Amino acid sequence: MMGWLKHAFAVEPPGPAEPTPPQAEVAEKLCNEVVRRHLTTPALTFLEMSRPLNFIGAQAMHFFAPLIGALTDAEGHRHFAAFLEQRGSIDYLCRRIEELEADTSRRDSSTVKDGAKQSGVDSD
C-alpha cells in the first residue's frame, strides 16, 4: 500500500544534469555561440538569476513551440526545452560555458605568445 508513496516526493539528484545526445548537441551550439560572442559573464549571470525559474521557462518554451515550429527548426527547440526541465540543466550549461571560455582563453594566450616569439618580442 505504501509503495506508491515511496517516490511521491522524489527529486532528481543534485549536480549537473546529463543531457541526451540531441540535447547535448543543442546545448553545445548555444554554449559555443555565447563564448564566440564574448557574452560569458552576462550569460552566466542570467543563468544564475533564472535558476529558480528554469522549469517555468521550459514550460513557456513548450507553449511557444507551435509558433517556433512555424518559423524555424522546432526539433532543437523541443530538445532544449526538455533539457531545461531537468533540475541540473543550469549547472550543466554554466559548467560548459566556463569550460569553453577557459579553452578559448588558453588558445588566445598561446596564439599571442607564439606571435610574440615569431616577431622577436619577449612576452615575459
PDB file of N, CA and C in Angstrom:
ATOM      1  N   MET A   1       0.809  -1.191   0.000  1.00  0.00           N
ATOM      2  CA  MET A   1       0.000   0.000   0.000  1.00  0.00           C
ATOM      3  C   MET A   1       0.860   1.265   0.000  1.00  0.00           C
ATOM      4  N   MET A   2       1.959   1.267   0.704  1.00  0.00           N
ATOM      5  CA  MET A   2       2.806   2.457   0.799  1.00  0.00           C
ATOM      6  C   MET A   2       3.853   2.510  -0.315  1.00  0.00           C
ATOM      7  N   GLY A   3       3.881   1.531  -1.197  1.00  0.00           N
ATOM      8  CA  GLY A   3       4.851   1.521  -2.288  1.00  0.00           C
ATOM      9  C   GLY A   3       4.724   2.716  -3.216  1.00  0.00           C
ATOM     10  N   TRP A   4       3.511   3.164  -3.496  1.00  0.00           N
ATOM     11  CA  TRP A   4       3.308   4.306  -4.382  1.00  0.00           C
ATOM     12  C   TRP A   4       3.752   5.605  -3.729  1.00  0.00           C
ATOM     13  N   LEU A   5       3.744   5.663  -2.400  1.00  0.00           N
ATOM     14  CA  LEU A   5       4.125   6.869  -1.693  1.00  0.00           C
ATOM     15  C   LEU A   5       5.640   7.002  -1.554  1.00  0.00           C
ATOM     16  N   LYS A   6       6.341   5.913  -1.750  1.00  0.00           N
ATOM     17  CA  LYS A   6       7.790   5.899  -1.569  1.00  0.00           C
ATOM     18  C   LYS A   6       8.489   6.938  -2.446  1.00  0.00           C
ATOM     19  N   HIS A   7       8.052   7.084  -3.691  1.00  0.00           N
ATOM     20  CA  HIS A   7       8.702   8.009  -4.619  1.00  0.00           C
ATOM     21  C   HIS A   7       7.834   9.228  -4.946  1.00  0.00           C
ATOM     22  N   ALA A   8       6.830   9.493  -4.124  1.00  0.00           N
ATOM     23  CA  ALA A   8       5.909  10.587  -4.395  1.00  0.00           C
ATOM     24  C   ALA A   8       6.606  11.948  -4.375  1.00  0.00           C
ATOM     25  N   PHE A   9       7.604  12.118  -3.526  1.00  0.00           N
ATOM     26  CA  PHE A   9       8.279  13.400  -3.403  1.00  0.00           C
ATOM     27  C   PHE A   9       9.745  13.311  -3.798  1.00  0.00           C
ATOM     28  N   ALA A  10      10.075  12.365  -4.641  1.00  0.00           N
ATOM     29  CA  ALA A  10      11.454  12.197  -5.091  1.00  0.00           C
ATOM     30  C   ALA A  10      11.833  13.325  -6.038  1.00  0.00           C
ATOM     31  N   VAL A  11      13.039  13.814  -5.905  1.00  0.00           N
ATOM     32  CA  VAL A  11      13.575  14.824  -6.809  1.00  0.00           C
ATOM     33  C   VAL A  11      14.845  14.271  -7.424  1.00  0.00           C
ATOM     34  N   GLU A  12      15.274  14.915  -8.492  1.00  0.00           N
ATOM     35  CA  GLU A  12      16.494  14.481  -9.158  1.00  0.00           C
ATOM     36  C   GLU A  12      17.687  14.719  -8.249  1.00  0.00           C
ATOM     37  N   PRO A  13      18.750  13.943  -8.404  1.00  0.00           N
ATOM     38  CA  PRO A  13      19.929  14.147  -7.565  1.00  0.00           C
ATOM     39  C   PRO A  13      20.567  15.509  -7.856  1.00  0.00           C
ATOM     40  N   PRO A  14      21.215  16.104  -6.860  1.00  0.00           N
ATOM     41  CA  PRO A  14      21.858  17.400  -7.089  1.00  0.00           C
ATOM     42  C   PRO A  14      23.042  17.261  -8.035  1.00  0.00           C
ATOM     43  N   GLY A  15      23.418  18.375  -8.623  1.00  0.00           N
ATOM     44  CA  GLY A  15      24.549  18.383  -9.541  1.00  0.00           C
ATOM     45  C   GLY A  15      24.094  18.556 -10.975  1.00  0.00           C
ATOM     46  N   PRO A  16      25.060  18.658 -11.873  1.00  0.00           N
ATOM     47  CA  PRO A  16      24.733  18.886 -13.274  1.00  0.00           C
ATOM     48  C   PRO A  16      23.947  17.725 -13.883  1.00  0.00           C
ATOM     49  N   ALA A  17      23.010  18.055 -14.738  1.00  0.00           N
ATOM     50  CA  ALA A  17      22.234  17.039 -15.455  1.00  0.00           C
ATOM     51  C   ALA A  17      23.063  16.528 -16.620  1.00  0.00           C
ATOM     52  N   GLU A  18      22.820  15.311 -17.013  1.00  0.00           N
ATOM     53  CA  GLU A  18      23.483  14.754 -18.189  1.00  0.00           C
ATOM     54  C   GLU A  18      22.476  14.725 -19.330  1.00  0.00           C
ATOM     55  N   PRO A  19      22.712  15.529 -20.356  1.00  0.00           N
ATOM     56  CA  PRO A  19      21.757  15.578 -21.462  1.00  0.00           C
ATOM     57  C   PRO A  19      21.870  14.362 -22.367  1.00  0.00           C
ATOM     58  N   THR A  20      20.785  14.086 -23.075  1.00  0.00           N
ATOM     59  CA  THR A  20      20.810  13.056 -24.105  1.00  0.00           C
ATOM     60  C   THR A  20      21.625  13.605 -25.279  1.00  0.00           C
ATOM     61  N   PRO A  21      22.050  12.754 -26.211  1.00  0.00           N
ATOM     62  CA  PRO A  21      22.843  13.270 -27.349  1.00  0.00           C
ATOM     63  C   PRO A  21      22.180  14.413 -28.130  1.00  0.00           C
ATOM     64  N   PRO A  22      20.875  14.346 -28.453  1.00  0.00           N
ATOM     65  CA  PRO A  22      20.291  15.504 -29.153  1.00  0.00           C
ATOM     66  C   PRO A  22      20.251  16.764 -28.279  1.00  0.00           C
ATOM     67  N   GLN A  23      20.017  16.592 -26.988  1.00  0.00           N
ATOM     68  CA  GLN A  23      20.008  17.735 -26.077  1.00  0.00           C
ATOM     69  C   GLN A  23      21.417  18.313 -25.939  1.00  0.00           C
ATOM     70  N   ALA A  24      22.414  17.442 -25.876  1.00  0.00           N
ATOM     71  CA  ALA A  24      23.800  17.896 -25.755  1.00  0.00           C
ATOM     72  C   ALA A  24      24.222  18.679 -26.991  1.00  0.00           C
ATOM     73  N   GLU A  25      23.756  18.256 -28.148  1.00  0.00           N
ATOM     74  CA  GLU A  25      24.094  18.959 -29.394  1.00  0.00           C
ATOM     75  C   GLU A  25      23.539  20.381 -29.379  1.00  0.00           C
ATOM     76  N   VAL A  26      22.297  20.540 -28.969  1.00  0.00           N
ATOM     77  CA  VAL A  26      21.679  21.865 -28.917  1.00  0.00           C
ATOM     78  C   VAL A  26      22.353  22.721 -27.841  1.00  0.00           C
ATOM     79  N   ALA A  27      22.607  22.142 -26.684  1.00  0.00           N
ATOM     80  CA  ALA A  27      23.249  22.887 -25.593  1.00  0.00           C
ATOM     81  C   ALA A  27      24.664  23.314 -26.000  1.00  0.00           C
ATOM     82  N   GLU A  28      25.367  22.451 -26.713  1.00  0.00           N
ATOM     83  CA  GLU A  28      26.723  22.770 -27.164  1.00  0.00           C
ATOM     84  C   GLU A  28      26.707  23.941 -28.150  1.00  0.00           C
ATOM     85  N   LYS A  29      25.737  23.940 -29.066  1.00  0.00           N
ATOM     86  CA  LYS A  29      25.612  25.060 -30.011  1.00  0.00           C
ATOM     87  C   LYS A  29      25.373  26.362 -29.259  1.00  0.00           C
ATOM     88  N   LEU A  30      24.479  26.326 -28.288  1.00  0.00           N
ATOM     89  CA  LEU A  30      24.171  27.520 -27.505  1.00  0.00           C
ATOM     90  C   LEU A  30      25.405  28.015 -26.755  1.00  0.00           C
ATOM     91  N   CYS A  31      26.103  27.109 -26.079  1.00  0.00           N
ATOM     92  CA  CYS A  31      27.287  27.488 -25.298  1.00  0.00           C
ATOM     93  C   CYS A  31      28.397  28.030 -26.204  1.00  0.00           C
ATOM     94  N   ASN A  32      28.597  27.412 -27.362  1.00  0.00           N
ATOM     95  CA  ASN A  32      29.609  27.897 -28.304  1.00  0.00           C
ATOM     96  C   ASN A  32      29.282  29.303 -28.793  1.00  0.00           C
ATOM     97  N   GLU A  33      28.016  29.586 -29.065  1.00  0.00           N
ATOM     98  CA  GLU A  33      27.621  30.922 -29.512  1.00  0.00           C
ATOM     99  C   GLU A  33      27.833  31.954 -28.413  1.00  0.00           C
ATOM    100  N   VAL A  34      27.541  31.596 -27.182  1.00  0.00           N
ATOM    101  CA  VAL A  34      27.749  32.522 -26.066  1.00  0.00           C
ATOM    102  C   VAL A  34      29.225  32.883 -25.961  1.00  0.00           C
ATOM    103  N   VAL A  35      30.096  31.894 -26.035  1.00  0.00           N
ATOM    104  CA  VAL A  35      31.536  32.136 -25.909  1.00  0.00           C
ATOM    105  C   VAL A  35      32.063  32.874 -27.135  1.00  0.00           C
ATOM    106  N   ARG A  36      31.597  32.498 -28.314  1.00  0.00           N
ATOM    107  CA  ARG A  36      32.065  33.142 -29.553  1.00  0.00           C
ATOM    108  C   ARG A  36      31.725  34.635 -29.545  1.00  0.00           C
ATOM    109  N   ARG A  37      30.596  34.982 -28.998  1.00  0.00           N
ATOM    110  CA  ARG A  37      30.169  36.382 -28.968  1.00  0.00           C
ATOM    111  C   ARG A  37      30.672  37.131 -27.728  1.00  0.00           C
ATOM    112  N   HIS A  38      31.512  36.488 -26.936  1.00  0.00           N
ATOM    113  CA  HIS A  38      32.092  37.083 -25.725  1.00  0.00           C
ATOM    114  C   HIS A  38      31.005  37.542 -24.751  1.00  0.00           C
ATOM    115  N   LEU A  39      29.981  36.705 -24.563  1.00  0.00           N
ATOM    116  CA  LEU A  39      28.892  37.001 -23.643  1.00  0.00           C
ATOM    117  C   LEU A  39      28.895  36.065 -22.436  1.00  0.00           C
ATOM    118  N   THR A  40      30.060  35.583 -22.066  1.00  0.00           N
ATOM    119  CA  THR A  40      30.157  34.615 -20.980  1.00  0.00           C
ATOM    120  C   THR A  40      29.632  35.185 -19.660  1.00  0.00           C
ATOM    121  N   THR A  41      30.108  36.343 -19.267  1.00  0.00           N
ATOM    122  CA  THR A  41      29.693  36.920 -17.987  1.00  0.00           C
ATOM    123  C   THR A  41      28.196  37.237 -17.950  1.00  0.00           C
ATOM    124  N   PRO A  42      27.642  37.916 -18.968  1.00  0.00           N
ATOM    125  CA  PRO A  42      26.188  38.147 -18.918  1.00  0.00           C
ATOM    126  C   PRO A  42      25.384  36.851 -18.954  1.00  0.00           C
ATOM    127  N   ALA A  43      25.844  35.863 -19.708  1.00  0.00           N
ATOM    128  CA  ALA A  43      25.105  34.595 -19.795  1.00  0.00           C
ATOM    129  C   ALA A  43      25.124  33.869 -18.458  1.00  0.00           C
ATOM    130  N   LEU A  44      26.285  33.816 -17.812  1.00  0.00           N
ATOM    131  CA  LEU A  44      26.373  33.155 -16.511  1.00  0.00           C
ATOM    132  C   LEU A  44      25.529  33.886 -15.468  1.00  0.00           C
ATOM    133  N   THR A  45      25.533  35.214 -15.515  1.00  0.00           N
ATOM    134  CA  THR A  45      24.711  35.989 -14.594  1.00  0.00           C
ATOM    135  C   THR A  45      23.239  35.696 -14.815  1.00  0.00           C
ATOM    136  N   PHE A  46      22.818  35.694 -16.076  1.00  0.00           N
ATOM    137  CA  PHE A  46      21.422  35.409 -16.395  1.00  0.00           C
ATOM    138  C   PHE A  46      21.031  33.995 -15.964  1.00  0.00           C
ATOM    139  N   LEU A  47      21.894  33.022 -16.236  1.00  0.00           N
ATOM    140  CA  LEU A  47      21.581  31.638 -15.863  1.00  0.00           C
ATOM    141  C   LEU A  47      21.452  31.484 -14.353  1.00  0.00           C
ATOM    142  N   GLU A  48      22.355  32.105 -13.612  1.00  0.00           N
ATOM    143  CA  GLU A  48      22.282  32.008 -12.154  1.00  0.00           C
ATOM    144  C   GLU A  48      21.032  32.700 -11.607  1.00  0.00           C
ATOM    145  N   MET A  49      20.663  33.837 -12.206  1.00  0.00           N
ATOM    146  CA  MET A  49      19.470  34.537 -11.734  1.00  0.00           C
ATOM    147  C   MET A  49      18.197  33.774 -12.080  1.00  0.00           C
ATOM    148  N   SER A  50      18.204  33.066 -13.189  1.00  0.00           N
ATOM    149  CA  SER A  50      16.993  32.371 -13.626  1.00  0.00           C
ATOM    150  C   SER A  50      16.926  30.934 -13.128  1.00  0.00           C
ATOM    151  N   ARG A  51      17.870  30.533 -12.321  1.00  0.00           N
ATOM    152  CA  ARG A  51      17.906  29.147 -11.829  1.00  0.00           C
ATOM    153  C   ARG A  51      16.576  28.691 -11.204  1.00  0.00           C
ATOM    154  N   PRO A  52      15.937  29.489 -10.346  1.00  0.00           N
ATOM    155  CA  PRO A  52      14.672  29.023  -9.753  1.00  0.00           C
ATOM    156  C   PRO A  52      13.527  28.919 -10.769  1.00  0.00           C
ATOM    157  N   LEU A  53      13.677  29.564 -11.909  1.00  0.00           N
ATOM    158  CA  LEU A  53      12.594  29.605 -12.885  1.00  0.00           C
ATOM    159  C   LEU A  53      12.855  28.739 -14.113  1.00  0.00           C
ATOM    160  N   ASN A  54      13.883  27.880 -14.082  1.00  0.00           N
ATOM    161  CA  ASN A  54      14.210  27.137 -15.302  1.00  0.00           C
ATOM    162  C   ASN A  54      13.084  26.198 -15.727  1.00  0.00           C
ATOM    163  N   PHE A  55      12.356  25.612 -14.798  1.00  0.00           N
ATOM    164  CA  PHE A  55      11.262  24.724 -15.184  1.00  0.00           C
ATOM    165  C   PHE A  55      10.121  25.526 -15.812  1.00  0.00           C
ATOM    166  N   ILE A  56       9.834  26.691 -15.246  1.00  0.00           N
ATOM    167  CA  ILE A  56       8.785  27.543 -15.810  1.00  0.00           C
ATOM    168  C   ILE A  56       9.190  28.027 -17.193  1.00  0.00           C
ATOM    169  N   GLY A  57      10.457  28.363 -17.361  1.00  0.00           N
ATOM    170  CA  GLY A  57      10.952  28.762 -18.677  1.00  0.00           C
ATOM    171  C   GLY A  57      10.828  27.638 -19.695  1.00  0.00           C
ATOM    172  N   ALA A  58      11.104  26.413 -19.253  1.00  0.00           N
ATOM    173  CA  ALA A  58      10.956  25.257 -20.146  1.00  0.00           C
ATOM    174  C   ALA A  58       9.499  25.074 -20.555  1.00  0.00           C
ATOM    175  N   GLN A  59       8.590  25.290 -19.618  1.00  0.00           N
ATOM    176  CA  GLN A  59       7.172  25.165 -19.949  1.00  0.00           C
ATOM    177  C   GLN A  59       6.737  26.266 -20.913  1.00  0.00           C
ATOM    178  N   ALA A  60       7.286  27.456 -20.744  1.00  0.00           N
ATOM    179  CA  ALA A  60       6.986  28.539 -21.683  1.00  0.00           C
ATOM    180  C   ALA A  60       7.508  28.204 -23.075  1.00  0.00           C
ATOM    181  N   MET A  61       8.676  27.572 -23.136  1.00  0.00           N
ATOM    182  CA  MET A  61       9.212  27.159 -24.439  1.00  0.00           C
ATOM    183  C   MET A  61       8.302  26.128 -25.092  1.00  0.00           C
ATOM    184  N   HIS A  62       7.767  25.206 -24.311  1.00  0.00           N
ATOM    185  CA  HIS A  62       6.815  24.229 -24.861  1.00  0.00           C
ATOM    186  C   HIS A  62       5.551  24.931 -25.357  1.00  0.00           C
ATOM    187  N   PHE A  63       5.103  25.944 -24.633  1.00  0.00           N
ATOM    188  CA  PHE A  63       3.906  26.683 -25.012  1.00  0.00           C
ATOM    189  C   PHE A  63       4.090  27.373 -26.368  1.00  0.00           C
ATOM    190  N   PHE A  64       5.279  27.955 -26.578  1.00  0.00           N
ATOM    191  CA  PHE A  64       5.544  28.678 -27.826  1.00  0.00           C
ATOM    192  C   PHE A  64       6.074  27.776 -28.943  1.00  0.00           C
ATOM    193  N   ALA A  65       6.151  26.482 -28.713  1.00  0.00           N
ATOM    194  CA  ALA A  65       6.686  25.557 -29.718  1.00  0.00           C
ATOM    195  C   ALA A  65       5.945  25.617 -31.053  1.00  0.00           C
ATOM    196  N   PRO A  66       4.625  25.717 -31.083  1.00  0.00           N
ATOM    197  CA  PRO A  66       3.970  25.810 -32.400  1.00  0.00           C
ATOM    198  C   PRO A  66       4.390  27.049 -33.199  1.00  0.00           C
ATOM    199  N   LEU A  67       4.544  28.174 -32.522  1.00  0.00           N
ATOM    200  CA  LEU A  67       4.988  29.385 -33.200  1.00  0.00           C
ATOM    201  C   LEU A  67       6.430  29.232 -33.681  1.00  0.00           C
ATOM    202  N   ILE A  68       7.270  28.699 -32.839  1.00  0.00           N
ATOM    203  CA  ILE A  68       8.676  28.484 -33.206  1.00  0.00           C
ATOM    204  C   ILE A  68       8.755  27.500 -34.372  1.00  0.00           C
ATOM    205  N   GLY A  69       7.924  26.465 -34.340  1.00  0.00           N
ATOM    206  CA  GLY A  69       7.911  25.470 -35.409  1.00  0.00           C
ATOM    207  C   GLY A  69       7.525  26.058 -36.750  1.00  0.00           C
ATOM    208  N   ALA A  70       6.708  27.093 -36.731  1.00  0.00           N
ATOM    209  CA  ALA A  70       6.316  27.743 -37.977  1.00  0.00           C
ATOM    210  C   ALA A  70       7.435  28.614 -38.533  1.00  0.00           C
ATOM    211  N   LEU A  71       8.328  29.073 -37.664  1.00  0.00           N
ATOM    212  CA  LEU A  71       9.376  29.990 -38.086  1.00  0.00           C
ATOM    213  C   LEU A  71      10.726  29.326 -38.331  1.00  0.00           C
ATOM    214  N   THR A  72      11.023  28.283 -37.579  1.00  0.00           N
ATOM    215  CA  THR A  72      12.360  27.687 -37.656  1.00  0.00           C
ATOM    216  C   THR A  72      12.293  26.208 -37.299  1.00  0.00           C
ATOM    217  N   ASP A  73      13.445  25.611 -37.052  1.00  0.00           N
ATOM    218  CA  ASP A  73      13.547  24.196 -36.690  1.00  0.00           C
ATOM    219  C   ASP A  73      13.035  23.991 -35.264  1.00  0.00           C
ATOM    220  N   ALA A  74      11.920  23.317 -35.137  1.00  0.00           N
ATOM    221  CA  ALA A  74      11.319  23.107 -33.820  1.00  0.00           C
ATOM    222  C   ALA A  74      11.939  21.929 -33.080  1.00  0.00           C
ATOM    223  N   GLU A  75      12.644  21.077 -33.780  1.00  0.00           N
ATOM    224  CA  GLU A  75      13.219  19.883 -33.149  1.00  0.00           C
ATOM    225  C   GLU A  75      14.243  20.260 -32.075  1.00  0.00           C
ATOM    226  N   GLY A  76      15.181  21.124 -32.413  1.00  0.00           N
ATOM    227  CA  GLY A  76      16.182  21.560 -31.447  1.00  0.00           C
ATOM    228  C   GLY A  76      15.559  22.321 -30.292  1.00  0.00           C
ATOM    229  N   HIS A  77      14.565  23.117 -30.600  1.00  0.00           N
ATOM    230  CA  HIS A  77      13.846  23.870 -29.577  1.00  0.00           C
ATOM    231  C   HIS A  77      13.183  22.927 -28.582  1.00  0.00           C
ATOM    232  N   ARG A  78      12.564  21.872 -29.084  1.00  0.00           N
ATOM    233  CA  ARG A  78      11.892  20.905 -28.216  1.00  0.00           C
ATOM    234  C   ARG A  78      12.903  20.154 -27.342  1.00  0.00           C
ATOM    235  N   HIS A  79      14.035  19.784 -27.923  1.00  0.00           N
ATOM    236  CA  HIS A  79      15.073  19.090 -27.142  1.00  0.00           C
ATOM    237  C   HIS A  79      15.619  19.995 -26.033  1.00  0.00           C
ATOM    238  N   PHE A  80      15.829  21.272 -26.369  1.00  0.00           N
ATOM    239  CA  PHE A  80      16.367  22.192 -25.363  1.00  0.00           C
ATOM    240  C   PHE A  80      15.353  22.436 -24.250  1.00  0.00           C
ATOM    241  N   ALA A  81      14.078  22.548 -24.594  1.00  0.00           N
ATOM    242  CA  ALA A  81      13.042  22.730 -23.569  1.00  0.00           C
ATOM    243  C   ALA A  81      12.976  21.515 -22.650  1.00  0.00           C
ATOM    244  N   ALA A  82      13.093  20.328 -23.218  1.00  0.00           N
ATOM    245  CA  ALA A  82      13.083  19.104 -22.399  1.00  0.00           C
ATOM    246  C   ALA A  82      14.306  19.067 -21.482  1.00  0.00           C
ATOM    247  N   PHE A  83      15.435  19.540 -21.978  1.00  0.00           N
ATOM    248  CA  PHE A  83      16.647  19.571 -21.156  1.00  0.00           C
ATOM    249  C   PHE A  83      16.486  20.557 -20.000  1.00  0.00           C
ATOM    250  N   LEU A  84      15.885  21.713 -20.255  1.00  0.00           N
ATOM    251  CA  LEU A  84      15.712  22.710 -19.196  1.00  0.00           C
ATOM    252  C   LEU A  84      14.767  22.245 -18.098  1.00  0.00           C
ATOM    253  N   GLU A  85      13.950  21.260 -18.361  1.00  0.00           N
ATOM    254  CA  GLU A  85      13.050  20.732 -17.334  1.00  0.00           C
ATOM    255  C   GLU A  85      13.818  20.005 -16.238  1.00  0.00           C
ATOM    256  N   GLN A  86      15.027  19.576 -16.520  1.00  0.00           N
ATOM    257  CA  GLN A  86      15.828  18.853 -15.533  1.00  0.00           C
ATOM    258  C   GLN A  86      16.418  19.830 -14.526  1.00  0.00           C
ATOM    259  N   ARG A  87      16.480  19.395 -13.298  1.00  0.00           N
ATOM    260  CA  ARG A  87      16.940  20.247 -12.207  1.00  0.00           C
ATOM    261  C   ARG A  87      18.384  20.721 -12.400  1.00  0.00           C
ATOM    262  N   GLY A  88      19.260  19.911 -12.905  1.00  0.00           N
ATOM    263  CA  GLY A  88      20.679  20.265 -13.028  1.00  0.00           C
ATOM    264  C   GLY A  88      21.064  20.868 -14.363  1.00  0.00           C
ATOM    265  N   SER A  89      20.106  21.248 -15.181  1.00  0.00           N
ATOM    266  CA  SER A  89      20.434  21.761 -16.510  1.00  0.00           C
ATOM    267  C   SER A  89      21.199  23.083 -16.451  1.00  0.00           C
ATOM    268  N   ILE A  90      20.868  23.941 -15.520  1.00  0.00           N
ATOM    269  CA  ILE A  90      21.557  25.225 -15.400  1.00  0.00           C
ATOM    270  C   ILE A  90      23.004  24.996 -14.973  1.00  0.00           C
ATOM    271  N   ASP A  91      23.224  24.058 -14.059  1.00  0.00           N
ATOM    272  CA  ASP A  91      24.596  23.724 -13.659  1.00  0.00           C
ATOM    273  C   ASP A  91      25.401  23.232 -14.855  1.00  0.00           C
ATOM    274  N   TYR A  92      24.797  22.386 -15.664  1.00  0.00           N
ATOM    275  CA  TYR A  92      25.484  21.856 -16.851  1.00  0.00           C
ATOM    276  C   TYR A  92      25.846  22.990 -17.807  1.00  0.00           C
ATOM    277  N   LEU A  93      24.900  23.880 -18.092  1.00  0.00           N
ATOM    278  CA  LEU A  93      25.158  24.974 -19.026  1.00  0.00           C
ATOM    279  C   LEU A  93      26.245  25.907 -18.499  1.00  0.00           C
ATOM    280  N   CYS A  94      26.190  26.260 -17.221  1.00  0.00           N
ATOM    281  CA  CYS A  94      27.216  27.124 -16.637  1.00  0.00           C
ATOM    282  C   CYS A  94      28.588  26.472 -16.703  1.00  0.00           C
ATOM    283  N   ARG A  95      28.661  25.205 -16.335  1.00  0.00           N
ATOM    284  CA  ARG A  95      29.939  24.491 -16.361  1.00  0.00           C
ATOM    285  C   ARG A  95      30.495  24.425 -17.777  1.00  0.00           C
ATOM    286  N   ARG A  96      29.636  24.153 -18.756  1.00  0.00           N
ATOM    287  CA  ARG A  96      30.088  24.018 -20.148  1.00  0.00           C
ATOM    288  C   ARG A  96      30.544  25.356 -20.712  1.00  0.00           C
ATOM    289  N   ILE A  97      29.843  26.438 -20.398  1.00  0.00           N
ATOM    290  CA  ILE A  97      30.253  27.767 -20.858  1.00  0.00           C
ATOM    291  C   ILE A  97      31.604  28.132 -20.258  1.00  0.00           C
ATOM    292  N   GLU A  98      31.798  27.844 -18.972  1.00  0.00           N
ATOM    293  CA  GLU A  98      33.080  28.141 -18.322  1.00  0.00           C
ATOM    294  C   GLU A  98      34.211  27.331 -18.935  1.00  0.00           C
ATOM    295  N   GLU A  99      33.961  26.063 -19.260  1.00  0.00           N
ATOM    296  CA  GLU A  99      34.988  25.230 -19.897  1.00  0.00           C
ATOM    297  C   GLU A  99      35.363  25.770 -21.270  1.00  0.00           C
ATOM    298  N   LEU A 100      34.371  26.132 -22.062  1.00  0.00           N
ATOM    299  CA  LEU A 100      34.648  26.667 -23.394  1.00  0.00           C
ATOM    300  C   LEU A 100      35.374  28.004 -23.313  1.00  0.00           C
ATOM    301  N   GLU A 101      35.011  28.843 -22.362  1.00  0.00           N
ATOM    302  CA  GLU A 101      35.696  30.124 -22.184  1.00  0.00           C
ATOM    303  C   GLU A 101      37.153  29.905 -21.791  1.00  0.00           C
ATOM    304  N   ALA A 102      37.404  28.953 -20.895  1.00  0.00           N
ATOM    305  CA  ALA A 102      38.783  28.659 -20.489  1.00  0.00           C
ATOM    306  C   ALA A 102      39.595  28.145 -21.678  1.00  0.00           C
ATOM    307  N   ASP A 103      39.009  27.278 -22.500  1.00  0.00           N
ATOM    308  CA  ASP A 103      39.702  26.777 -23.688  1.00  0.00           C
ATOM    309  C   ASP A 103      40.015  27.909 -24.656  1.00  0.00           C
ATOM    310  N   THR A 104      39.067  28.799 -24.850  1.00  0.00           N
ATOM    311  CA  THR A 104      39.264  29.929 -25.760  1.00  0.00           C
ATOM    312  C   THR A 104      40.346  30.855 -25.228  1.00  0.00           C
ATOM    313  N   SER A 105      40.331  31.127 -23.934  1.00  0.00           N
ATOM    314  CA  SER A 105      41.348  31.995 -23.334  1.00  0.00           C
ATOM    315  C   SER A 105      42.735  31.376 -23.447  1.00  0.00           C
ATOM    316  N   ARG A 106      42.815  30.075 -23.199  1.00  0.00           N
ATOM    317  CA  ARG A 106      44.094  29.377 -23.311  1.00  0.00           C
ATOM    318  C   ARG A 106      44.611  29.425 -24.745  1.00  0.00           C
ATOM    319  N   ARG A 107      43.732  29.200 -25.696  1.00  0.00           N
ATOM    320  CA  ARG A 107      44.107  29.202 -27.113  1.00  0.00           C
ATOM    321  C   ARG A 107      44.545  30.604 -27.540  1.00  0.00           C
ATOM    322  N   ASP A 108      43.834  31.632 -27.080  1.00  0.00           N
ATOM    323  CA  ASP A 108      44.196  33.001 -27.423  1.00  0.00           C
ATOM    324  C   ASP A 108      45.534  33.401 -26.820  1.00  0.00           C
ATOM    325  N   SER A 109      45.779  32.998 -25.577  1.00  0.00           N
ATOM    326  CA  SER A 109      47.050  33.364 -24.939  1.00  0.00           C
ATOM    327  C   SER A 109      48.220  32.645 -25.589  1.00  0.00           C
ATOM    328  N   SER A 110      48.028  31.405 -26.025  1.00  0.00           N
ATOM    329  CA  SER A 110      49.116  30.702 -26.709  1.00  0.00           C
ATOM    330  C   SER A 110      49.365  31.305 -28.082  1.00  0.00           C
ATOM    331  N   THR A 111      48.329  31.804 -28.743  1.00  0.00           N
ATOM    332  CA  THR A 111      48.489  32.461 -30.035  1.00  0.00           C
ATOM    333  C   THR A 111      49.257  33.759 -29.874  1.00  0.00           C
ATOM    334  N   VAL A 112      48.979  34.519 -28.826  1.00  0.00           N
ATOM    335  CA  VAL A 112      49.689  35.764 -28.570  1.00  0.00           C
ATOM    336  C   VAL A 112      51.152  35.483 -28.275  1.00  0.00           C
ATOM    337  N   LYS A 113      51.432  34.458 -27.472  1.00  0.00           N
ATOM    338  CA  LYS A 113      52.818  34.119 -27.144  1.00  0.00           C
ATOM    339  C   LYS A 113      53.576  33.661 -28.383  1.00  0.00           C
ATOM    340  N   ASP A 114      52.928  32.849 -29.218  1.00  0.00           N
ATOM    341  CA  ASP A 114      53.578  32.379 -30.447  1.00  0.00           C
ATOM    342  C   ASP A 114      53.858  33.541 -31.391  1.00  0.00           C
ATOM    343  N   GLY A 115      52.924  34.480 -31.474  1.00  0.00           N
ATOM    344  CA  GLY A 115      53.118  35.654 -32.320  1.00  0.00           C
ATOM    345  C   GLY A 115      54.240  36.523 -31.818  1.00  0.00           C
ATOM    346  N   ALA A 116      54.364  36.633 -30.500  1.00  0.00           N
ATOM    347  CA  ALA A 116      55.436  37.437 -29.918  1.00  0.00           C
ATOM    348  C   ALA A 116      56.799  36.784 -30.155  1.00  0.00           C
ATOM    349  N   LYS A 117      56.854  35.462 -30.094  1.00  0.00           N
ATOM    350  CA  LYS A 117      58.108  34.744 -30.335  1.00  0.00           C
ATOM    351  C   LYS A 117      58.530  34.906 -31.787  1.00  0.00           C
ATOM    352  N   GLN A 118      57.588  34.847 -32.704  1.00  0.00           N
ATOM    353  CA  GLN A 118      57.909  34.967 -34.125  1.00  0.00           C
ATOM    354  C   GLN A 118      58.373  36.379 -34.464  1.00  0.00           C
ATOM    355  N   SER A 119      57.882  37.381 -33.796  1.00  0.00           N
ATOM    356  CA  SER A 119      58.261  38.751 -34.086  1.00  0.00           C
ATOM    357  C   SER A 119      59.504  39.177 -33.301  1.00  0.00           C
ATOM    358  N   GLY A 120      59.957  38.309 -32.388  1.00  0.00           N
ATOM    359  CA  GLY A 120      61.157  38.605 -31.614  1.00  0.00           C
ATOM    360  C   GLY A 120      60.890  39.421 -30.370  1.00  0.00           C
ATOM    361  N   VAL A 121      59.658  39.611 -29.999  1.00  0.00           N
ATOM    362  CA  VAL A 121      59.312  40.376 -28.810  1.00  0.00           C
ATOM    363  C   VAL A 121      59.217  39.408 -27.641  1.00  0.00           C
ATOM    364  N   ASP A 122      59.811  39.786 -26.521  1.00  0.00           N
ATOM    365  CA  ASP A 122      59.750  38.946 -25.314  1.00  0.00           C
ATOM    366  C   ASP A 122      58.440  39.214 -24.601  1.00  0.00           C
ATOM    367  N   SER A 123      57.609  38.156 -24.428  1.00  0.00           N
ATOM    368  CA  SER A 123      56.288  38.335 -23.810  1.00  0.00           C
ATOM    369  C   SER A 123      56.337  38.249 -22.287  1.00  0.00           C
ATOM    370  N   ASP A 124      57.466  37.950 -21.677  1.00  0.00           N
ATOM    371  CA  ASP A 124      57.549  37.845 -20.215  1.00  0.00           C
ATOM    372  C   ASP A 124      57.826  39.114 -19.565  1.00  0.00           C
TER     373      ASP A 124
END
